[in-house]
Each structure stands twice: as structure tokens, then as C-alpha cells.
């Protein structure tokens, strides 16, 4: 998923009651334009149901390396 520097992103991970700890990495997901999507598409390409997502105010836990590598360099 291509991302522009100006696009806002969300920090998300799967909720604890719905996923094992090994599945709960911190992902980056583009903010849905219309706010009505039922799934979020992370930068690594994983689709996560909005009802299964925990929004994070700051990075927490293990980051998703594929999401981090998808962020374009500044400059």
C-alpha cells in the first residue's frame, strides 16, 4: 500500500480477547477517508475488522516490521 507523507495513519492492533499475544503487533493503517469502512487496511496489507481493533494513542508492544518498512522516507 502506497502512502503519502500527508496522509494520516492510525496505530492499531488486534484486541486481546480476539487474538493471541503473538498476533498483536502494532500496525499502521491509513485513516479511512469516509470513516465508514468495516475493515482497516494496514500498510503491510493485512485487513483487520474494525470491531477487532484496538486504537493505540502511541506505539505499544512489538511493531509490525512490514508496516514500518512501508512508510516512505522523509525528505
PDB file of N, CA and C in Angstrom:
ATOM      1  N   UNK A   1       0.846  -1.175   0.000  1.00  0.00           N
ATOM      2  CA  UNK A   1       0.000   0.000   0.000  1.00  0.00           C
ATOM      3  C   UNK A   1       0.888   1.234   0.000  1.00  0.00           C
ATOM      4  N   UNK A   2       0.722   2.103  -0.978  1.00  0.00           N
ATOM      5  CA  UNK A   2       1.496   3.334  -1.051  1.00  0.00           C
ATOM      6  C   UNK A   2       0.907   4.365  -0.090  1.00  0.00           C
ATOM      7  N   UNK A   3       1.774   5.143   0.499  1.00  0.00           N
ATOM      8  CA  UNK A   3       1.335   6.136   1.467  1.00  0.00           C
ATOM      9  C   UNK A   3       2.056   7.436   1.186  1.00  0.00           C
ATOM     10  N   UNK A   4       1.319   8.519   1.182  1.00  0.00           N
ATOM     11  CA  UNK A   4       1.902   9.848   1.042  1.00  0.00           C
ATOM     12  C   UNK A   4       2.226  10.372   2.438  1.00  0.00           C
ATOM     13  N   UNK A   5       3.180  11.299   2.519  1.00  0.00           N
ATOM     14  CA  UNK A   5       3.542  11.882   3.820  1.00  0.00           C
ATOM     15  C   UNK A   5       2.388  12.622   4.470  1.00  0.00           C
ATOM     16  N   UNK A   6       1.460  13.121   3.678  1.00  0.00           N
ATOM     17  CA  UNK A   6       0.384  13.933   4.227  1.00  0.00           C
ATOM     18  C   UNK A   6      -0.796  13.119   4.725  1.00  0.00           C
ATOM     19  N   UNK A   7      -0.816  11.833   4.439  1.00  0.00           N
ATOM     20  CA  UNK A   7      -1.947  11.010   4.848  1.00  0.00           C
ATOM     21  C   UNK A   7      -1.850  10.641   6.331  1.00  0.00           C
ATOM     22  N   UNK A   8      -2.934  10.848   7.086  1.00  0.00           N
ATOM     23  CA  UNK A   8      -2.909  10.439   8.492  1.00  0.00           C
ATOM     24  C   UNK A   8      -2.983   8.914   8.612  1.00  0.00           C
ATOM     25  N   UNK A   9      -2.340   8.392   9.633  1.00  0.00           N
ATOM     26  CA  UNK A   9      -2.378   6.955   9.887  1.00  0.00           C
ATOM     27  C   UNK A   9      -2.843   6.699  11.312  1.00  0.00           C
ATOM     28  N   UNK A  10      -3.365   5.523  11.523  1.00  0.00           N
ATOM     29  CA  UNK A  10      -3.786   5.070  12.846  1.00  0.00           C
ATOM     30  C   UNK A  10      -2.806   4.017  13.336  1.00  0.00           C
ATOM     31  N   UNK A  11      -2.550   3.992  14.621  1.00  0.00           N
ATOM     32  CA  UNK A  11      -1.808   2.908  15.251  1.00  0.00           C
ATOM     33  C   UNK A  11      -2.847   1.933  15.783  1.00  0.00           C
ATOM     34  N   UNK A  12      -2.802   0.706  15.316  1.00  0.00           N
ATOM     35  CA  UNK A  12      -3.815  -0.280  15.711  1.00  0.00           C
ATOM     36  C   UNK A  12      -3.163  -1.620  16.013  1.00  0.00           C
ATOM     37  N   UNK A  13      -3.865  -2.412  16.765  1.00  0.00           N
ATOM     38  CA  UNK A  13      -3.517  -3.826  16.951  1.00  0.00           C
ATOM     39  C   UNK A  13      -4.797  -4.579  17.258  1.00  0.00           C
ATOM     40  N   UNK A  14      -4.740  -5.881  17.089  1.00  0.00           N
ATOM     41  CA  UNK A  14      -5.913  -6.713  17.367  1.00  0.00           C
ATOM     42  C   UNK A  14      -6.173  -6.727  18.868  1.00  0.00           C
ATOM     43  N   UNK A  15      -7.453  -6.729  19.245  1.00  0.00           N
ATOM     44  CA  UNK A  15      -7.826  -6.745  20.657  1.00  0.00           C
ATOM     45  C   UNK A  15      -7.407  -8.063  21.312  1.00  0.00           C
ATOM     46  N   UNK A  16      -7.032  -7.964  22.579  1.00  0.00           N
ATOM     47  CA  UNK A  16      -6.503  -9.116  23.318  1.00  0.00           C
ATOM     48  C   UNK A  16      -7.482 -10.277  23.390  1.00  0.00           C
ATOM     49  N   UNK A  17      -8.772  -9.985  23.524  1.00  0.00           N
ATOM     50  CA  UNK A  17      -9.742 -11.073  23.669  1.00  0.00           C
ATOM     51  C   UNK A  17     -10.027 -11.780  22.338  1.00  0.00           C
ATOM     52  N   UNK A  18      -9.513 -11.239  21.237  1.00  0.00           N
ATOM     53  CA  UNK A  18      -9.774 -11.826  19.916  1.00  0.00           C
ATOM     54  C   UNK A  18      -8.542 -12.405  19.242  1.00  0.00           C
ATOM     55  N   UNK A  19      -7.367 -12.200  19.835  1.00  0.00           N
ATOM     56  CA  UNK A  19      -6.139 -12.678  19.200  1.00  0.00           C
ATOM     57  C   UNK A  19      -5.124 -13.054  20.267  1.00  0.00           C
ATOM     58  N   UNK A  20      -4.274 -13.996  19.926  1.00  0.00           N
ATOM     59  CA  UNK A  20      -3.182 -14.359  20.822  1.00  0.00           C
ATOM     60  C   UNK A  20      -2.145 -13.251  20.854  1.00  0.00           C
ATOM     61  N   UNK A  21      -1.325 -13.241  21.884  1.00  0.00           N
ATOM     62  CA  UNK A  21      -0.330 -12.175  22.040  1.00  0.00           C
ATOM     63  C   UNK A  21       0.609 -12.090  20.838  1.00  0.00           C
ATOM     64  N   UNK A  22       0.939 -13.204  20.235  1.00  0.00           N
ATOM     65  CA  UNK A  22       1.842 -13.203  19.079  1.00  0.00           C
ATOM     66  C   UNK A  22       1.226 -12.556  17.845  1.00  0.00           C
ATOM     67  N   UNK A  23      -0.108 -12.390  17.826  1.00  0.00           N
ATOM     68  CA  UNK A  23      -0.801 -11.746  16.702  1.00  0.00           C
ATOM     69  C   UNK A  23      -1.052 -10.258  16.941  1.00  0.00           C
ATOM     70  N   UNK A  24      -0.613  -9.740  18.071  1.00  0.00           N
ATOM     71  CA  UNK A  24      -0.996  -8.383  18.457  1.00  0.00           C
ATOM     72  C   UNK A  24       0.089  -7.352  18.190  1.00  0.00           C
ATOM     73  N   UNK A  25       0.757  -7.423  17.041  1.00  0.00           N
ATOM     74  CA  UNK A  25       1.747  -6.388  16.745  1.00  0.00           C
ATOM     75  C   UNK A  25       1.056  -5.068  16.446  1.00  0.00           C
ATOM     76  N   UNK A  26       1.811  -4.013  16.615  1.00  0.00           N
ATOM     77  CA  UNK A  26       1.322  -2.658  16.383  1.00  0.00           C
ATOM     78  C   UNK A  26       1.437  -2.346  14.882  1.00  0.00           C
ATOM     79  N   UNK A  27       0.297  -2.185  14.236  1.00  0.00           N
ATOM     80  CA  UNK A  27       0.244  -1.923  12.792  1.00  0.00           C
ATOM     81  C   UNK A  27      -0.035  -0.451  12.526  1.00  0.00           C
ATOM     82  N   UNK A  28       0.303  -0.015  11.333  1.00  0.00           N
ATOM     83  CA  UNK A  28      -0.061   1.309  10.835  1.00  0.00           C
ATOM     84  C   UNK A  28      -1.137   1.108   9.785  1.00  0.00           C
ATOM     85  N   UNK A  29      -2.225   1.844   9.913  1.00  0.00           N
ATOM     86  CA  UNK A  29      -3.329   1.741   8.954  1.00  0.00           C
ATOM     87  C   UNK A  29      -3.723   3.143   8.500  1.00  0.00           C
ATOM     88  N   UNK A  30      -3.946   3.288   7.202  1.00  0.00           N
ATOM     89  CA  UNK A  30      -4.399   4.575   6.681  1.00  0.00           C
ATOM     90  C   UNK A  30      -5.772   4.896   7.254  1.00  0.00           C
ATOM     91  N   UNK A  31      -5.967   6.139   7.610  1.00  0.00           N
ATOM     92  CA  UNK A  31      -7.259   6.580   8.118  1.00  0.00           C
ATOM     93  C   UNK A  31      -8.276   6.506   6.992  1.00  0.00           C
ATOM     94  N   UNK A  32      -9.383   5.784   7.168  1.00  0.00           N
ATOM     95  CA  UNK A  32     -10.395   5.702   6.104  1.00  0.00           C
ATOM     96  C   UNK A  32     -10.921   7.088   5.759  1.00  0.00           C
ATOM     97  N   UNK A  33     -11.002   7.370   4.469  1.00  0.00           N
ATOM     98  CA  UNK A  33     -11.432   8.695   4.016  1.00  0.00           C
ATOM     99  C   UNK A  33     -12.841   9.042   4.475  1.00  0.00           C
ATOM    100  N   UNK A  34     -13.754   8.083   4.391  1.00  0.00           N
ATOM    101  CA  UNK A  34     -15.147   8.381   4.732  1.00  0.00           C
ATOM    102  C   UNK A  34     -15.515   7.952   6.144  1.00  0.00           C
ATOM    103  N   UNK A  35     -14.634   7.245   6.823  1.00  0.00           N
ATOM    104  CA  UNK A  35     -14.893   6.827   8.190  1.00  0.00           C
ATOM    105  C   UNK A  35     -15.936   5.743   8.344  1.00  0.00           C
ATOM    106  N   UNK A  36     -16.369   5.128   7.246  1.00  0.00           N
ATOM    107  CA  UNK A  36     -17.445   4.143   7.338  1.00  0.00           C
ATOM    108  C   UNK A  36     -17.000   2.732   6.974  1.00  0.00           C
ATOM    109  N   UNK A  37     -15.749   2.513   6.782  1.00  0.00           N
ATOM    110  CA  UNK A  37     -15.286   1.180   6.401  1.00  0.00           C
ATOM    111  C   UNK A  37     -15.434   0.202   7.559  1.00  0.00           C
ATOM    112  N   UNK A  38     -15.717  -1.036   7.214  1.00  0.00           N
ATOM    113  CA  UNK A  38     -15.844  -2.056   8.255  1.00  0.00           C
ATOM    114  C   UNK A  38     -14.512  -2.757   8.506  1.00  0.00           C
ATOM    115  N   UNK A  39     -13.536  -2.550   7.616  1.00  0.00           N
ATOM    116  CA  UNK A  39     -12.201  -3.102   7.826  1.00  0.00           C
ATOM    117  C   UNK A  39     -11.156  -2.024   7.575  1.00  0.00           C
ATOM    118  N   UNK A  40     -10.043  -2.166   8.269  1.00  0.00           N
ATOM    119  CA  UNK A  40      -8.907  -1.279   8.051  1.00  0.00           C
ATOM    120  C   UNK A  40      -7.864  -2.037   7.251  1.00  0.00           C
ATOM    121  N   UNK A  41      -7.229  -1.357   6.316  1.00  0.00           N
ATOM    122  CA  UNK A  41      -6.138  -1.953   5.542  1.00  0.00           C
ATOM    123  C   UNK A  41      -4.839  -1.402   6.100  1.00  0.00           C
ATOM    124  N   UNK A  42      -4.025  -2.285   6.657  1.00  0.00           N
ATOM    125  CA  UNK A  42      -2.749  -1.860   7.225  1.00  0.00           C
ATOM    126  C   UNK A  42      -1.735  -1.659   6.108  1.00  0.00           C
ATOM    127  N   UNK A  43      -0.651  -0.975   6.419  1.00  0.00           N
ATOM    128  CA  UNK A  43       0.375  -0.724   5.411  1.00  0.00           C
ATOM    129  C   UNK A  43       1.047  -2.004   4.941  1.00  0.00           C
ATOM    130  N   UNK A  44       1.025  -3.043   5.770  1.00  0.00           N
ATOM    131  CA  UNK A  44       1.607  -4.323   5.365  1.00  0.00           C
ATOM    132  C   UNK A  44       0.635  -5.151   4.522  1.00  0.00           C
ATOM    133  N   UNK A  45      -0.602  -4.665   4.374  1.00  0.00           N
ATOM    134  CA  UNK A  45      -1.584  -5.354   3.542  1.00  0.00           C
ATOM    135  C   UNK A  45      -2.600  -6.195   4.294  1.00  0.00           C
ATOM    136  N   UNK A  46      -2.467  -6.279   5.604  1.00  0.00           N
ATOM    137  CA  UNK A  46      -3.429  -7.064   6.396  1.00  0.00           C
ATOM    138  C   UNK A  46      -4.730  -6.281   6.559  1.00  0.00           C
ATOM    139  N   UNK A  47      -5.836  -6.966   6.397  1.00  0.00           N
ATOM    140  CA  UNK A  47      -7.151  -6.356   6.626  1.00  0.00           C
ATOM    141  C   UNK A  47      -7.626  -6.799   8.008  1.00  0.00           C
ATOM    142  N   UNK A  48      -8.010  -5.812   8.826  1.00  0.00           N
ATOM    143  CA  UNK A  48      -8.462  -6.108  10.188  1.00  0.00           C
ATOM    144  C   UNK A  48      -9.845  -5.498  10.368  1.00  0.00           C
ATOM    145  N   UNK A  49     -10.781  -6.303  10.821  1.00  0.00           N
ATOM    146  CA  UNK A  49     -12.140  -5.836  11.079  1.00  0.00           C
ATOM    147  C   UNK A  49     -12.112  -4.739  12.134  1.00  0.00           C
ATOM    148  N   UNK A  50     -12.851  -3.674  11.897  1.00  0.00           N
ATOM    149  CA  UNK A  50     -12.874  -2.538  12.824  1.00  0.00           C
ATOM    150  C   UNK A  50     -13.283  -2.979  14.233  1.00  0.00           C
ATOM    151  N   UNK A  51     -14.186  -3.918  14.351  1.00  0.00           N
ATOM    152  CA  UNK A  51     -14.618  -4.414  15.653  1.00  0.00           C
ATOM    153  C   UNK A  51     -13.557  -5.201  16.395  1.00  0.00           C
ATOM    154  N   UNK A  52     -12.505  -5.620  15.691  1.00  0.00           N
ATOM    155  CA  UNK A  52     -11.442  -6.407  16.309  1.00  0.00           C
ATOM    156  C   UNK A  52     -10.215  -5.566  16.618  1.00  0.00           C
ATOM    157  N   UNK A  53     -10.316  -4.248  16.395  1.00  0.00           N
ATOM    158  CA  UNK A  53      -9.160  -3.362  16.500  1.00  0.00           C
ATOM    159  C   UNK A  53      -9.157  -2.580  17.812  1.00  0.00           C
ATOM    160  N   UNK A  54      -7.974  -2.437  18.346  1.00  0.00           N
ATOM    161  CA  UNK A  54      -7.719  -1.560  19.493  1.00  0.00           C
ATOM    162  C   UNK A  54      -6.910  -0.380  18.947  1.00  0.00           C
ATOM    163  N   UNK A  55      -7.448   0.841  19.074  1.00  0.00           N
ATOM    164  CA  UNK A  55      -6.708   2.031  18.654  1.00  0.00           C
ATOM    165  C   UNK A  55      -5.699   2.388  19.736  1.00  0.00           C
ATOM    166  N   UNK A  56      -4.487   2.684  19.327  1.00  0.00           N
ATOM    167  CA  UNK A  56      -3.432   2.993  20.288  1.00  0.00           C
ATOM    168  C   UNK A  56      -3.056   4.470  20.210  1.00  0.00           C
ATOM    169  N   UNK A  57      -2.917   5.145  21.350  1.00  0.00           N
ATOM    170  CA  UNK A  57      -2.511   6.554  21.333  1.00  0.00           C
ATOM    171  C   UNK A  57      -1.024   6.724  21.009  1.00  0.00           C
ATOM    172  N   UNK A  58      -0.243   5.670  21.227  1.00  0.00           N
ATOM    173  CA  UNK A  58       1.192   5.672  20.936  1.00  0.00           C
ATOM    174  C   UNK A  58       1.617   4.233  20.684  1.00  0.00           C
ATOM    175  N   UNK A  59       2.770   4.020  20.051  1.00  0.00           N
ATOM    176  CA  UNK A  59       3.206   2.640  19.803  1.00  0.00           C
ATOM    177  C   UNK A  59       3.291   1.844  21.103  1.00  0.00           C
ATOM    178  N   UNK A  60       2.832   0.612  21.029  1.00  0.00           N
ATOM    179  CA  UNK A  60       2.828  -0.257  22.207  1.00  0.00           C
ATOM    180  C   UNK A  60       3.072  -1.680  21.742  1.00  0.00           C
ATOM    181  N   UNK A  61       3.962  -2.370  22.401  1.00  0.00           N
ATOM    182  CA  UNK A  61       4.249  -3.743  22.034  1.00  0.00           C
ATOM    183  C   UNK A  61       5.153  -3.825  20.809  1.00  0.00           C
ATOM    184  N   UNK A  62       5.194  -4.994  20.229  1.00  0.00           N
ATOM    185  CA  UNK A  62       6.048  -5.260  19.079  1.00  0.00           C
ATOM    186  C   UNK A  62       5.489  -4.583  17.825  1.00  0.00           C
ATOM    187  N   UNK A  63       6.306  -3.816  17.102  1.00  0.00           N
ATOM    188  CA  UNK A  63       5.811  -3.202  15.866  1.00  0.00           C
ATOM    189  C   UNK A  63       5.774  -4.217  14.730  1.00  0.00           C
ATOM    190  N   UNK A  64       4.902  -3.990  13.778  1.00  0.00           N
ATOM    191  CA  UNK A  64       4.876  -4.800  12.566  1.00  0.00           C
ATOM    192  C   UNK A  64       5.995  -4.276  11.662  1.00  0.00           C
ATOM    193  N   UNK A  65       6.994  -5.087  11.430  1.00  0.00           N
ATOM    194  CA  UNK A  65       8.148  -4.664  10.643  1.00  0.00           C
ATOM    195  C   UNK A  65       7.737  -4.331   9.207  1.00  0.00           C
ATOM    196  N   UNK A  66       6.831  -5.097   8.637  1.00  0.00           N
ATOM    197  CA  UNK A  66       6.382  -4.824   7.266  1.00  0.00           C
ATOM    198  C   UNK A  66       5.693  -3.461   7.159  1.00  0.00           C
ATOM    199  N   UNK A  67       4.908  -3.079   8.174  1.00  0.00           N
ATOM    200  CA  UNK A  67       4.290  -1.748   8.187  1.00  0.00           C
ATOM    201  C   UNK A  67       5.364  -0.665   8.255  1.00  0.00           C
ATOM    202  N   UNK A  68       6.349  -0.850   9.125  1.00  0.00           N
ATOM    203  CA  UNK A  68       7.415   0.142   9.266  1.00  0.00           C
ATOM    204  C   UNK A  68       8.191   0.309   7.967  1.00  0.00           C
ATOM    205  N   UNK A  69       8.456  -0.796   7.281  1.00  0.00           N
ATOM    206  CA  UNK A  69       9.203  -0.722   6.022  1.00  0.00           C
ATOM    207  C   UNK A  69       8.384  -0.094   4.899  1.00  0.00           C
ATOM    208  N   UNK A  70       7.068  -0.027   5.066  1.00  0.00           N
ATOM    209  CA  UNK A  70       6.186   0.568   4.044  1.00  0.00           C
ATOM    210  C   UNK A  70       6.069   2.080   4.167  1.00  0.00           C
ATOM    211  N   UNK A  71       6.563   2.652   5.241  1.00  0.00           N
ATOM    212  CA  UNK A  71       6.490   4.095   5.435  1.00  0.00           C
ATOM    213  C   UNK A  71       7.544   4.746   4.541  1.00  0.00           C
ATOM    214  N   UNK A  72       7.124   5.712   3.707  1.00  0.00           N
ATOM    215  CA  UNK A  72       8.106   6.357   2.826  1.00  0.00           C
ATOM    216  C   UNK A  72       9.089   7.202   3.624  1.00  0.00           C
ATOM    217  N   UNK A  73      10.314   7.289   3.151  1.00  0.00           N
ATOM    218  CA  UNK A  73      11.306   8.115   3.860  1.00  0.00           C
ATOM    219  C   UNK A  73      10.957   9.588   3.791  1.00  0.00           C
ATOM    220  N   UNK A  74      11.324  10.319   4.816  1.00  0.00           N
ATOM    221  CA  UNK A  74      11.087  11.772   4.806  1.00  0.00           C
ATOM    222  C   UNK A  74      12.139  12.424   3.932  1.00  0.00           C
ATOM    223  N   UNK A  75      11.738  13.514   3.341  1.00  0.00           N
ATOM    224  CA  UNK A  75      12.761  14.244   2.620  1.00  0.00           C
ATOM    225  C   UNK A  75      12.301  14.756   1.360  1.00  0.00           C
TER     226      UNK A  75
END
